[in-house]
Amino acid sequence: MIILFDLDGTLIDSTEAILESFHNSFDLLNYPHPTDEAIKALIGHPLDVMYKELGVSKEKVWDFVDTYKEHYRKISTQKTVLLPHAREAVTLASTFAELGIVTTKTGKYSRVLMEHFGLMDKFKVLIGREDVINPKPNAEPILQALQQLNSKDKDVWMIGDTTMDLLATKNAGVNSIGVLCGYGKEEVLKYYTNILCQNAYEAIKYLEKVQRCL
């Protein structure tokens, strides 16, 4: 079995770091600040898409992305936490499956975070925003992860908390589990997957039972 995880809202909570980095960029570039709720509603999208949705002109988007990344790099490990039971989820999953991470976050910073939490060694692949042309909900990140794993004849699952995660799994033709510990709403997620769990650990306990039946 192969299990792919999203990061934000699935394994980690970096809301504080994300919000601070967004507001820092709006300060530095002298732009009107969006509300925290407006920012949080877009978490999971690539940064350039988020800034465009928040009213930044196309010509200035990458200036905002650059200032965001510079600030996020400095604070990410201090202002990011593992979600409850995420460590147990990854540890248990590693006993019966090959693991990967598929995220729209920058892969470089995602590796730093997972090394900070002492979990990076559990994952055989990490696909970040810079590794693909077309991020989630496109199938490309998942397919690229599977290319780096020996996925032939294996049951493949993706665990995520947003519609983008679940649409990506559908587009890639793999199984999905939605988790309710992140940014997606239950009433929306249930339209994109048949399986909803409270958190990643609950999802892994479900997959452990699936694996026993294979």
Protein backbone atom coordinates (compact mmCIF):
# COMPACT_ATOMS: atom_id res chain seq x y z
CA MET A 1 0.00 0.00 0.00
CA ILE A 2 1.04 3.59 -0.71
CA ILE A 3 -0.29 6.46 1.40
CA LEU A 4 0.20 10.08 0.35
CA PHE A 5 -0.41 12.89 2.83
CA ASP A 6 -1.21 16.55 2.37
CA LEU A 7 0.52 18.76 4.96
CA ASP A 8 -1.38 21.89 6.05
CA GLY A 9 -4.55 20.90 7.83
CA THR A 10 -3.76 17.20 7.50
CA LEU A 11 -0.52 16.68 9.44
CA ILE A 12 0.50 20.19 10.51
CA ASP A 13 -1.03 23.48 11.64
CA SER A 14 1.01 26.37 10.30
CA THR A 15 -1.85 28.86 10.36
CA GLU A 16 0.03 31.32 12.59
CA ALA A 17 3.11 31.27 10.35
CA ILE A 18 1.00 31.61 7.20
CA LEU A 19 -1.04 34.54 8.49
CA GLU A 20 2.01 36.36 9.83
CA SER A 21 3.87 35.89 6.55
CA PHE A 22 0.94 37.17 4.51
CA HIS A 23 0.48 40.26 6.67
CA ASN A 24 4.22 40.91 6.60
CA SER A 25 4.17 40.98 2.80
CA PHE A 26 1.20 43.34 2.73
CA ASP A 27 3.05 45.61 5.19
CA LEU A 28 6.31 45.60 3.22
CA LEU A 29 4.63 46.21 -0.13
CA ASN A 30 2.14 48.75 1.23
CA TYR A 31 -1.03 46.96 0.19
CA PRO A 32 -4.39 46.86 2.01
CA HIS A 33 -4.53 43.89 4.35
CA PRO A 34 -7.13 41.17 3.83
CA THR A 35 -8.80 39.62 6.85
CA ASP A 36 -7.41 36.52 8.50
CA GLU A 37 -10.56 34.66 7.49
CA ALA A 38 -10.07 35.59 3.83
CA ILE A 39 -6.52 34.23 3.95
CA LYS A 40 -7.48 31.04 5.77
CA ALA A 41 -10.22 30.34 3.24
CA LEU A 42 -7.55 30.04 0.54
CA ILE A 43 -5.00 27.88 2.38
CA GLY A 44 -4.13 24.90 0.23
CA HIS A 45 -3.92 26.91 -2.98
CA PRO A 46 -0.50 27.91 -4.35
CA LEU A 47 0.75 31.23 -2.99
CA ASP A 48 0.44 33.06 -6.31
CA VAL A 49 -3.20 32.00 -6.61
CA MET A 50 -3.88 33.09 -3.03
CA TYR A 51 -2.42 36.55 -3.60
CA LYS A 52 -4.39 37.02 -6.81
CA GLU A 53 -7.59 36.02 -5.02
CA LEU A 54 -6.73 38.52 -2.26
CA GLY A 55 -6.61 41.37 -4.76
CA VAL A 56 -2.94 41.62 -5.70
CA SER A 57 -2.36 42.54 -9.33
CA LYS A 58 -0.83 39.94 -11.62
CA GLU A 59 2.24 42.14 -12.14
CA LYS A 60 3.05 42.23 -8.42
CA VAL A 61 2.10 38.72 -7.34
CA TRP A 62 5.61 37.27 -7.42
CA ASP A 63 6.99 40.17 -5.37
CA PHE A 64 4.48 39.19 -2.70
CA VAL A 65 5.38 35.52 -3.00
CA ASP A 66 9.08 36.33 -2.57
CA THR A 67 8.51 38.44 0.56
CA TYR A 68 6.20 35.77 1.97
CA LYS A 69 8.78 33.02 1.51
CA GLU A 70 11.58 35.08 3.02
CA HIS A 71 9.58 35.70 6.20
CA TYR A 72 8.08 32.20 6.36
CA ARG A 73 11.55 30.67 6.14
CA LYS A 74 12.54 32.50 9.33
CA ILE A 75 9.50 31.63 11.45
CA SER A 76 8.07 28.38 10.11
CA THR A 77 9.57 25.94 12.61
CA GLN A 78 8.77 28.16 15.59
CA LYS A 79 5.17 28.84 14.56
CA THR A 80 4.09 25.46 13.18
CA VAL A 81 2.85 22.50 15.21
CA LEU A 82 1.88 18.94 14.43
CA LEU A 83 -1.84 18.39 14.55
CA PRO A 84 -3.08 16.15 17.38
CA HIS A 85 -2.25 12.47 16.71
CA ALA A 86 -0.39 13.31 13.47
CA ARG A 87 2.86 11.80 14.77
CA GLU A 88 1.04 8.61 15.75
CA ALA A 89 -0.61 8.53 12.32
CA VAL A 90 2.67 8.71 10.43
CA THR A 91 4.40 6.24 12.75
CA LEU A 92 1.60 3.68 12.40
CA ALA A 93 1.29 4.18 8.64
CA SER A 94 5.01 3.54 8.17
CA THR A 95 4.59 0.03 9.61
CA PHE A 96 2.40 -1.19 6.75
CA ALA A 97 2.73 1.26 3.82
CA GLU A 98 5.14 3.36 1.77
CA LEU A 99 4.57 7.02 2.55
CA GLY A 100 4.78 10.26 0.61
CA ILE A 101 3.87 13.92 1.00
CA VAL A 102 2.10 15.87 -1.74
CA THR A 103 1.71 19.56 -0.91
CA THR A 104 1.33 22.96 -2.53
CA LYS A 105 3.80 24.33 0.05
CA THR A 106 7.38 24.88 -1.06
CA GLY A 107 9.04 21.48 -0.85
CA LYS A 108 12.27 22.91 0.55
CA TYR A 109 10.52 24.39 3.58
CA SER A 110 8.27 21.35 3.95
CA ARG A 111 11.32 19.11 4.34
CA VAL A 112 12.78 21.46 6.94
CA LEU A 113 9.52 21.30 8.90
CA MET A 114 9.25 17.52 8.78
CA GLU A 115 12.91 17.15 9.77
CA HIS A 116 12.23 19.56 12.62
CA PHE A 117 9.45 17.24 13.81
CA GLY A 118 11.65 14.17 13.35
CA LEU A 119 9.35 12.59 10.77
CA MET A 120 10.99 13.15 7.38
CA ASP A 121 12.70 9.76 7.50
CA LYS A 122 9.28 8.08 7.41
CA PHE A 123 8.58 9.43 3.91
CA LYS A 124 10.09 8.10 0.70
CA VAL A 125 9.03 11.08 -1.42
CA LEU A 126 7.96 14.70 -0.97
CA ILE A 127 6.46 16.66 -3.85
CA GLY A 128 6.23 20.42 -3.30
CA ARG A 129 5.10 23.38 -5.37
CA GLU A 130 8.43 23.81 -7.10
CA ASP A 131 8.45 20.20 -8.26
CA VAL A 132 5.48 20.51 -10.63
CA ILE A 133 4.08 22.78 -13.30
CA ASN A 134 0.47 22.12 -12.38
CA PRO A 135 -0.26 21.89 -8.63
CA LYS A 136 -3.31 20.30 -6.99
CA PRO A 137 -6.13 19.93 -7.99
CA ASN A 138 -4.24 18.78 -11.08
CA ALA A 139 -3.16 15.13 -10.94
CA GLU A 140 0.49 15.97 -11.68
CA PRO A 141 1.81 16.10 -8.07
CA ILE A 142 0.29 12.74 -7.19
CA LEU A 143 1.41 11.12 -10.42
CA GLN A 144 4.92 12.47 -9.93
CA ALA A 145 5.02 11.02 -6.41
CA LEU A 146 3.89 7.66 -7.73
CA GLN A 147 6.59 7.74 -10.41
CA GLN A 148 9.18 7.93 -7.64
CA LEU A 149 7.61 5.01 -5.78
CA ASN A 150 7.09 1.45 -6.92
CA SER A 151 3.35 1.83 -7.23
CA LYS A 152 2.64 -1.04 -9.61
CA ASP A 153 -0.09 -3.36 -8.29
CA LYS A 154 -0.31 -1.38 -5.03
CA ASP A 155 -3.34 0.17 -3.40
CA VAL A 156 -2.82 3.96 -3.45
CA TRP A 157 -4.51 6.41 -1.07
CA MET A 158 -4.29 10.17 -0.58
CA ILE A 159 -5.30 11.82 2.70
CA GLY A 160 -6.18 15.51 2.62
CA ASP A 161 -8.35 18.20 4.15
CA THR A 162 -9.42 20.31 1.15
CA THR A 163 -11.36 19.88 -2.06
CA MET A 164 -8.10 20.42 -3.96
CA ASP A 165 -6.62 17.33 -2.35
CA LEU A 166 -9.67 15.25 -3.13
CA LEU A 167 -10.03 16.53 -6.69
CA ALA A 168 -6.37 15.73 -7.30
CA THR A 169 -6.93 12.15 -6.18
CA LYS A 170 -9.92 11.84 -8.49
CA ASN A 171 -7.93 13.27 -11.39
CA ALA A 172 -5.08 10.86 -10.65
CA GLY A 173 -7.38 7.88 -10.32
CA VAL A 174 -6.41 6.98 -6.75
CA ASN A 175 -8.38 6.49 -3.54
CA SER A 176 -9.08 9.39 -1.18
CA ILE A 177 -9.85 10.05 2.46
CA GLY A 178 -10.95 13.49 3.62
CA VAL A 179 -10.04 14.65 7.12
CA LEU A 180 -12.00 17.19 9.15
CA CYS A 181 -9.09 18.54 11.22
CA GLY A 182 -8.08 21.15 8.65
CA TYR A 183 -9.51 23.87 6.45
CA GLY A 184 -12.21 22.04 4.51
CA LYS A 185 -15.86 21.93 5.54
CA GLU A 186 -17.56 18.56 6.03
CA GLU A 187 -20.59 19.53 3.97
CA VAL A 188 -18.29 20.32 1.02
CA LEU A 189 -15.76 17.49 1.38
CA LYS A 190 -18.45 14.80 1.43
CA TYR A 191 -19.22 15.60 -2.22
CA TYR A 192 -15.68 14.65 -3.23
CA THR A 193 -15.01 11.47 -1.24
CA ASN A 194 -16.93 8.60 0.26
CA ILE A 195 -14.66 8.41 3.31
CA LEU A 196 -14.36 11.17 5.92
CA CYS A 197 -12.37 10.86 9.14
CA GLN A 198 -11.82 13.24 12.03
CA ASN A 199 -8.03 13.28 11.63
CA ALA A 200 -5.08 11.55 9.99
CA TYR A 201 -4.75 8.97 12.76
CA GLU A 202 -8.36 7.88 12.33
CA ALA A 203 -7.73 7.66 8.58
CA ILE A 204 -4.66 5.47 9.11
CA LYS A 205 -6.54 3.16 11.50
CA TYR A 206 -9.13 2.75 8.73
CA LEU A 207 -6.41 1.96 6.18
CA GLU A 208 -4.77 -0.50 8.54
CA LYS A 209 -7.99 -2.48 8.48
CA VAL A 210 -8.12 -2.20 4.67
CA GLN A 211 -4.56 -3.50 4.43
CA ARG A 212 -5.39 -6.54 6.53
CA CYS A 213 -8.12 -7.45 4.07
CA LEU A 214 -5.89 -7.23 0.99
